PDB file of N, CA and C in Angstrom:
ATOM      1  N   UNK A   1       1.318  -0.720   0.494  1.00  0.00           N
ATOM      2  CA  UNK A   1       0.169  -0.017   0.216  1.00  0.00           C
ATOM      3  C   UNK A   1       0.474   0.962   0.016  1.00  0.00           C
ATOM      4  N   UNK A   2       0.314   2.657  -1.000  1.00  0.00           N
ATOM      5  CA  UNK A   2       1.421   3.431  -0.880  1.00  0.00           C
ATOM      6  C   UNK A   2       0.009   4.595  -0.343  1.00  0.00           C
ATOM      7  N   UNK A   3       0.475   5.583  -0.345  1.00  0.00           N
ATOM      8  CA  UNK A   3       0.541   6.862   0.098  1.00  0.00           C
ATOM      9  C   UNK A   3       0.772   7.799  -0.762  1.00  0.00           C
ATOM     10  N   UNK A   4       0.409   9.434  -0.946  1.00  0.00           N
ATOM     11  CA  UNK A   4       1.303   9.924  -1.435  1.00  0.00           C
ATOM     12  C   UNK A   4       0.619  11.474  -1.588  1.00  0.00           C
ATOM     13  N   UNK A   5       1.699  11.768  -0.870  1.00  0.00           N
ATOM     14  CA  UNK A   5       1.579  13.170   0.152  1.00  0.00           C
ATOM     15  C   UNK A   5       1.911  13.946  -0.623  1.00  0.00           C
ATOM     16  N   UNK A   6       1.680  15.014  -1.412  1.00  0.00           N
ATOM     17  CA  UNK A   6       2.517  15.923  -1.934  1.00  0.00           C
ATOM     18  C   UNK A   6       2.201  16.898  -1.386  1.00  0.00           C
ATOM     19  N   UNK A   7       3.349  17.787  -1.169  1.00  0.00           N
ATOM     20  CA  UNK A   7       4.051  19.338  -0.860  1.00  0.00           C
ATOM     21  C   UNK A   7       4.466  20.135  -1.994  1.00  0.00           C
ATOM     22  N   UNK A   8       5.087  21.325  -1.641  1.00  0.00           N
ATOM     23  CA  UNK A   8       5.669  21.856  -2.191  1.00  0.00           C
ATOM     24  C   UNK A   8       6.575  21.990  -1.800  1.00  0.00           C
ATOM     25  N   UNK A   9       7.946  21.663  -2.626  1.00  0.00           N
ATOM     26  CA  UNK A   9       9.537  21.765  -2.012  1.00  0.00           C
ATOM     27  C   UNK A   9       9.949  22.954  -2.287  1.00  0.00           C
ATOM     28  N   UNK A  10      10.207  22.756  -0.479  1.00  0.00           N
ATOM     29  CA  UNK A  10      10.655  24.048  -0.556  1.00  0.00           C
ATOM     30  C   UNK A  10      11.925  24.639  -0.670  1.00  0.00           C
ATOM     31  N   UNK A  11      12.491  23.193  -0.337  1.00  0.00           N
ATOM     32  CA  UNK A  11      14.244  23.728  -1.136  1.00  0.00           C
ATOM     33  C   UNK A  11      14.449  24.434  -2.433  1.00  0.00           C
ATOM     34  N   UNK A  12      13.354  24.065  -3.422  1.00  0.00           N
ATOM     35  CA  UNK A  12      12.643  25.033  -4.688  1.00  0.00           C
ATOM     36  C   UNK A  12      12.387  26.485  -4.471  1.00  0.00           C
ATOM     37  N   UNK A  13      11.770  26.826  -3.400  1.00  0.00           N
ATOM     38  CA  UNK A  13      11.561  28.644  -2.656  1.00  0.00           C
ATOM     39  C   UNK A  13      12.464  28.892  -3.631  1.00  0.00           C
ATOM     40  N   UNK A  14      12.395  30.698  -4.343  1.00  0.00           N
ATOM     41  CA  UNK A  14      13.216  31.418  -4.575  1.00  0.00           C
ATOM     42  C   UNK A  14      12.546  32.479  -3.406  1.00  0.00           C
ATOM     43  N   UNK A  15      13.272  32.582  -3.047  1.00  0.00           N
ATOM     44  CA  UNK A  15      13.106  34.275  -2.662  1.00  0.00           C
ATOM     45  C   UNK A  15      13.938  34.674  -0.832  1.00  0.00           C
ATOM     46  N   UNK A  16      13.209  35.597   0.104  1.00  0.00           N
ATOM     47  CA  UNK A  16      14.427  35.982   0.787  1.00  0.00           C
ATOM     48  C   UNK A  16      14.511  35.065   2.011  1.00  0.00           C
ATOM     49  N   UNK A  17      15.744  35.287   2.305  1.00  0.00           N
ATOM     50  CA  UNK A  17      15.892  34.062   3.446  1.00  0.00           C
ATOM     51  C   UNK A  17      14.620  33.537   4.824  1.00  0.00           C
ATOM     52  N   UNK A  18      14.312  34.700   5.401  1.00  0.00           N
ATOM     53  CA  UNK A  18      12.957  34.700   5.474  1.00  0.00           C
ATOM     54  C   UNK A  18      11.667  33.814   5.583  1.00  0.00           C
ATOM     55  N   UNK A  19      11.713  34.284   3.848  1.00  0.00           N
ATOM     56  CA  UNK A  19      10.657  33.281   3.041  1.00  0.00           C
ATOM     57  C   UNK A  19      10.913  32.262   2.724  1.00  0.00           C
ATOM     58  N   UNK A  20      11.863  31.596   2.338  1.00  0.00           N
ATOM     59  CA  UNK A  20      12.611  30.486   2.642  1.00  0.00           C
ATOM     60  C   UNK A  20      12.664  29.744   3.440  1.00  0.00           C
ATOM     61  N   UNK A  21      12.674  30.053   4.815  1.00  0.00           N
ATOM     62  CA  UNK A  21      13.068  29.363   5.974  1.00  0.00           C
ATOM     63  C   UNK A  21      11.052  29.062   6.722  1.00  0.00           C
ATOM     64  N   UNK A  22      10.867  30.575   6.246  1.00  0.00           N
ATOM     65  CA  UNK A  22       8.804  30.400   6.539  1.00  0.00           C
ATOM     66  C   UNK A  22       8.655  29.193   5.667  1.00  0.00           C
ATOM     67  N   UNK A  23       9.583  28.872   4.563  1.00  0.00           N
ATOM     68  CA  UNK A  23       8.626  27.826   3.299  1.00  0.00           C
ATOM     69  C   UNK A  23       9.125  25.993   3.821  1.00  0.00           C
ATOM     70  N   UNK A  24      10.010  26.824   4.476  1.00  0.00           N
ATOM     71  CA  UNK A  24       9.885  25.316   5.104  1.00  0.00           C
ATOM     72  C   UNK A  24       9.706  25.285   6.682  1.00  0.00           C
ATOM     73  N   UNK A  25       8.842  25.512   6.873  1.00  0.00           N
ATOM     74  CA  UNK A  25       8.571  25.670   8.316  1.00  0.00           C
ATOM     75  C   UNK A  25       7.236  25.122   7.909  1.00  0.00           C
ATOM     76  N   UNK A  26       6.459  25.213   6.855  1.00  0.00           N
ATOM     77  CA  UNK A  26       5.309  25.215   6.176  1.00  0.00           C
ATOM     78  C   UNK A  26       4.913  23.200   6.061  1.00  0.00           C
ATOM     79  N   UNK A  27       6.408  23.329   5.069  1.00  0.00           N
ATOM     80  CA  UNK A  27       6.276  21.785   4.604  1.00  0.00           C
ATOM     81  C   UNK A  27       6.148  21.339   5.780  1.00  0.00           C
ATOM     82  N   UNK A  28       7.181  21.569   6.689  1.00  0.00           N
ATOM     83  CA  UNK A  28       7.161  20.687   7.970  1.00  0.00           C
ATOM     84  C   UNK A  28       5.769  20.380   8.201  1.00  0.00           C
ATOM     85  N   UNK A  29       5.310  21.424   8.970  1.00  0.00           N
ATOM     86  CA  UNK A  29       3.702  21.347   9.576  1.00  0.00           C
ATOM     87  C   UNK A  29       3.029  21.217   9.108  1.00  0.00           C
ATOM     88  N   UNK A  30       3.226  21.083   7.755  1.00  0.00           N
ATOM     89  CA  UNK A  30       1.975  20.198   6.899  1.00  0.00           C
ATOM     90  C   UNK A  30       1.832  18.549   7.112  1.00  0.00           C
ATOM     91  N   UNK A  31       3.617  18.409   6.787  1.00  0.00           N
ATOM     92  CA  UNK A  31       3.579  16.713   7.458  1.00  0.00           C
ATOM     93  C   UNK A  31       3.651  16.297   8.943  1.00  0.00           C
ATOM     94  N   UNK A  32       3.491  17.129   9.105  1.00  0.00           N
ATOM     95  CA  UNK A  32       3.764  17.170  10.859  1.00  0.00           C
ATOM     96  C   UNK A  32       1.587  16.286  11.316  1.00  0.00           C
ATOM     97  N   UNK A  33       1.221  17.603  11.173  1.00  0.00           N
ATOM     98  CA  UNK A  33      -0.272  17.213  11.256  1.00  0.00           C
ATOM     99  C   UNK A  33      -0.806  15.785  10.188  1.00  0.00           C
ATOM    100  N   UNK A  34      -0.325  15.782   9.193  1.00  0.00           N
ATOM    101  CA  UNK A  34      -0.678  14.632   8.752  1.00  0.00           C
ATOM    102  C   UNK A  34       0.185  13.096   8.830  1.00  0.00           C
ATOM    103  N   UNK A  35       1.335  13.276   9.362  1.00  0.00           N
ATOM    104  CA  UNK A  35       2.074  12.191  10.613  1.00  0.00           C
ATOM    105  C   UNK A  35       1.029  11.889  11.625  1.00  0.00           C
ATOM    106  N   UNK A  36      -0.294  13.076  12.241  1.00  0.00           N
ATOM    107  CA  UNK A  36       0.189  12.930  13.545  1.00  0.00           C
ATOM    108  C   UNK A  36      -2.003  12.248  13.347  1.00  0.00           C
ATOM    109  N   UNK A  37      -2.265  12.517  12.102  1.00  0.00           N
ATOM    110  CA  UNK A  37      -3.324  11.748  11.155  1.00  0.00           C
ATOM    111  C   UNK A  37      -3.070  10.265  11.424  1.00  0.00           C
ATOM    112  N   UNK A  38      -2.371  10.424  10.180  1.00  0.00           N
ATOM    113  CA  UNK A  38      -1.824   9.021  10.310  1.00  0.00           C
ATOM    114  C   UNK A  38      -1.619   8.184  11.546  1.00  0.00           C
ATOM    115  N   UNK A  39      -0.902   8.717  12.211  1.00  0.00           N
ATOM    116  CA  UNK A  39      -0.951   7.994  13.298  1.00  0.00           C
ATOM    117  C   UNK A  39      -1.836   7.619  14.389  1.00  0.00           C
ATOM    118  N   UNK A  40      -3.087   8.283  14.639  1.00  0.00           N
ATOM    119  CA  UNK A  40      -3.877   7.965  15.159  1.00  0.00           C
ATOM    120  C   UNK A  40      -5.035   7.183  14.355  1.00  0.00           C
ATOM    121  N   UNK A  41      -5.259   6.557  13.133  1.00  0.00           N
ATOM    122  CA  UNK A  41      -6.183   5.894  12.401  1.00  0.00           C
ATOM    123  C   UNK A  41      -5.765   4.811  13.312  1.00  0.00           C
ATOM    124  N   UNK A  42      -7.106   3.643  12.647  1.00  0.00           N
ATOM    125  CA  UNK A  42      -7.716   2.895  13.989  1.00  0.00           C
ATOM    126  C   UNK A  42      -7.035   1.267  13.444  1.00  0.00           C
ATOM    127  N   UNK A  43      -5.901   1.675  12.286  1.00  0.00           N
ATOM    128  CA  UNK A  43      -5.355   1.319  11.595  1.00  0.00           C
ATOM    129  C   UNK A  43      -6.249  -0.559  11.683  1.00  0.00           C
ATOM    130  N   UNK A  44      -6.337  -1.545  12.959  1.00  0.00           N
ATOM    131  CA  UNK A  44      -6.323  -2.345  12.990  1.00  0.00           C
ATOM    132  C   UNK A  44      -7.871  -2.923  12.320  1.00  0.00           C
ATOM    133  N   UNK A  45      -8.939  -1.899  12.815  1.00  0.00           N
ATOM    134  CA  UNK A  45      -9.908  -1.964  12.612  1.00  0.00           C
ATOM    135  C   UNK A  45     -10.910  -1.579  11.238  1.00  0.00           C
ATOM    136  N   UNK A  46      -9.432  -1.283  10.114  1.00  0.00           N
ATOM    137  CA  UNK A  46      -9.687  -0.757   8.898  1.00  0.00           C
ATOM    138  C   UNK A  46      -9.311  -1.626   7.757  1.00  0.00           C
ATOM    139  N   UNK A  47     -10.490  -1.694   7.114  1.00  0.00           N
ATOM    140  CA  UNK A  47     -10.212  -2.815   5.763  1.00  0.00           C
ATOM    141  C   UNK A  47      -9.302  -2.245   5.267  1.00  0.00           C
ATOM    142  N   UNK A  48      -8.312  -3.031   4.248  1.00  0.00           N
ATOM    143  CA  UNK A  48      -7.165  -2.214   3.586  1.00  0.00           C
ATOM    144  C   UNK A  48      -7.617  -1.694   2.503  1.00  0.00           C
ATOM    145  N   UNK A  49      -8.947  -1.780   2.066  1.00  0.00           N
ATOM    146  CA  UNK A  49      -9.684  -0.634   1.533  1.00  0.00           C
ATOM    147  C   UNK A  49      -9.563   0.776   1.965  1.00  0.00           C
ATOM    148  N   UNK A  50     -10.851   0.608   3.157  1.00  0.00           N
ATOM    149  CA  UNK A  50     -11.147   1.853   4.420  1.00  0.00           C
ATOM    150  C   UNK A  50      -9.973   2.607   3.799  1.00  0.00           C
ATOM    151  N   UNK A  51      -8.822   2.082   4.484  1.00  0.00           N
ATOM    152  CA  UNK A  51      -7.284   2.369   4.985  1.00  0.00           C
ATOM    153  C   UNK A  51      -6.285   3.149   3.980  1.00  0.00           C
ATOM    154  N   UNK A  52      -7.294   2.500   2.883  1.00  0.00           N
ATOM    155  CA  UNK A  52      -6.398   3.377   1.149  1.00  0.00           C
ATOM    156  C   UNK A  52      -7.205   4.960   1.125  1.00  0.00           C
ATOM    157  N   UNK A  53      -8.159   4.393   1.238  1.00  0.00           N
ATOM    158  CA  UNK A  53      -8.956   5.859   1.366  1.00  0.00           C
ATOM    159  C   UNK A  53      -8.455   7.109   2.627  1.00  0.00           C
ATOM    160  N   UNK A  54      -8.676   6.485   3.069  1.00  0.00           N
ATOM    161  CA  UNK A  54      -8.364   7.150   4.710  1.00  0.00           C
ATOM    162  C   UNK A  54      -6.472   7.762   3.925  1.00  0.00           C
ATOM    163  N   UNK A  55      -5.881   6.754   3.541  1.00  0.00           N
ATOM    164  CA  UNK A  55      -4.612   7.248   3.108  1.00  0.00           C
ATOM    165  C   UNK A  55      -4.684   8.505   2.006  1.00  0.00           C
ATOM    166  N   UNK A  56      -5.192   7.994   0.722  1.00  0.00           N
ATOM    167  CA  UNK A  56      -5.439   8.989   0.339  1.00  0.00           C
ATOM    168  C   UNK A  56      -6.701  10.537   0.838  1.00  0.00           C
ATOM    169  N   UNK A  57      -6.995  10.341   1.838  1.00  0.00           N
ATOM    170  CA  UNK A  57      -7.917  12.011   1.430  1.00  0.00           C
ATOM    171  C   UNK A  57      -7.058  12.501   2.666  1.00  0.00           C
ATOM    172  N   UNK A  58      -5.663  11.693   3.745  1.00  0.00           N
ATOM    173  CA  UNK A  58      -5.094  12.676   4.326  1.00  0.00           C
ATOM    174  C   UNK A  58      -3.778  13.328   3.586  1.00  0.00           C
ATOM    175  N   UNK A  59      -3.323  12.727   2.692  1.00  0.00           N
ATOM    176  CA  UNK A  59      -2.878  13.527   1.437  1.00  0.00           C
ATOM    177  C   UNK A  59      -3.250  15.090   0.235  1.00  0.00           C
ATOM    178  N   UNK A  60      -4.818  14.012   0.002  1.00  0.00           N
ATOM    179  CA  UNK A  60      -5.635  14.958  -0.267  1.00  0.00           C
ATOM    180  C   UNK A  60      -5.659  16.767   0.690  1.00  0.00           C
ATOM    181  N   UNK A  61      -5.929  16.190   1.818  1.00  0.00           N
ATOM    182  CA  UNK A  61      -6.194  17.438   2.611  1.00  0.00           C
ATOM    183  C   UNK A  61      -5.877  18.661   1.927  1.00  0.00           C
ATOM    184  N   UNK A  62      -5.980  19.673   2.469  1.00  0.00           N
ATOM    185  CA  UNK A  62      -5.848  21.396   2.107  1.00  0.00           C
ATOM    186  C   UNK A  62      -5.058  21.916   2.870  1.00  0.00           C
ATOM    187  N   UNK A  63      -4.142  21.529   3.358  1.00  0.00           N
ATOM    188  CA  UNK A  63      -3.142  22.226   4.640  1.00  0.00           C
ATOM    189  C   UNK A  63      -2.973  23.484   4.533  1.00  0.00           C
ATOM    190  N   UNK A  64      -2.953  24.631   5.998  1.00  0.00           N
ATOM    191  CA  UNK A  64      -2.887  25.086   6.206  1.00  0.00           C
ATOM    192  C   UNK A  64      -2.360  26.010   7.183  1.00  0.00           C
ATOM    193  N   UNK A  65      -0.533  25.625   6.857  1.00  0.00           N
ATOM    194  CA  UNK A  65       0.403  25.999   7.918  1.00  0.00           C
ATOM    195  C   UNK A  65       0.576  26.937   8.872  1.00  0.00           C
ATOM    196  N   UNK A  66      -0.709  28.150   8.013  1.00  0.00           N
ATOM    197  CA  UNK A  66      -0.702  29.727   8.829  1.00  0.00           C
ATOM    198  C   UNK A  66      -1.309  28.949  10.399  1.00  0.00           C
TER     199      UNK A  66
END
């Protein structure tokens, strides 16, 4: 089973040092939230299809680091 949780690549960000740091913080925050949701899934009680749907939903969420 796989999941793709695409986010903007902060290393590719072009801008000031301050904005570059903000881009890395935003990426970190989004991944931290998604991993928190993932770690709290009731994995043992989900069938494979339900688990895949949940993983896809996590990746499709419109996170805001603000």
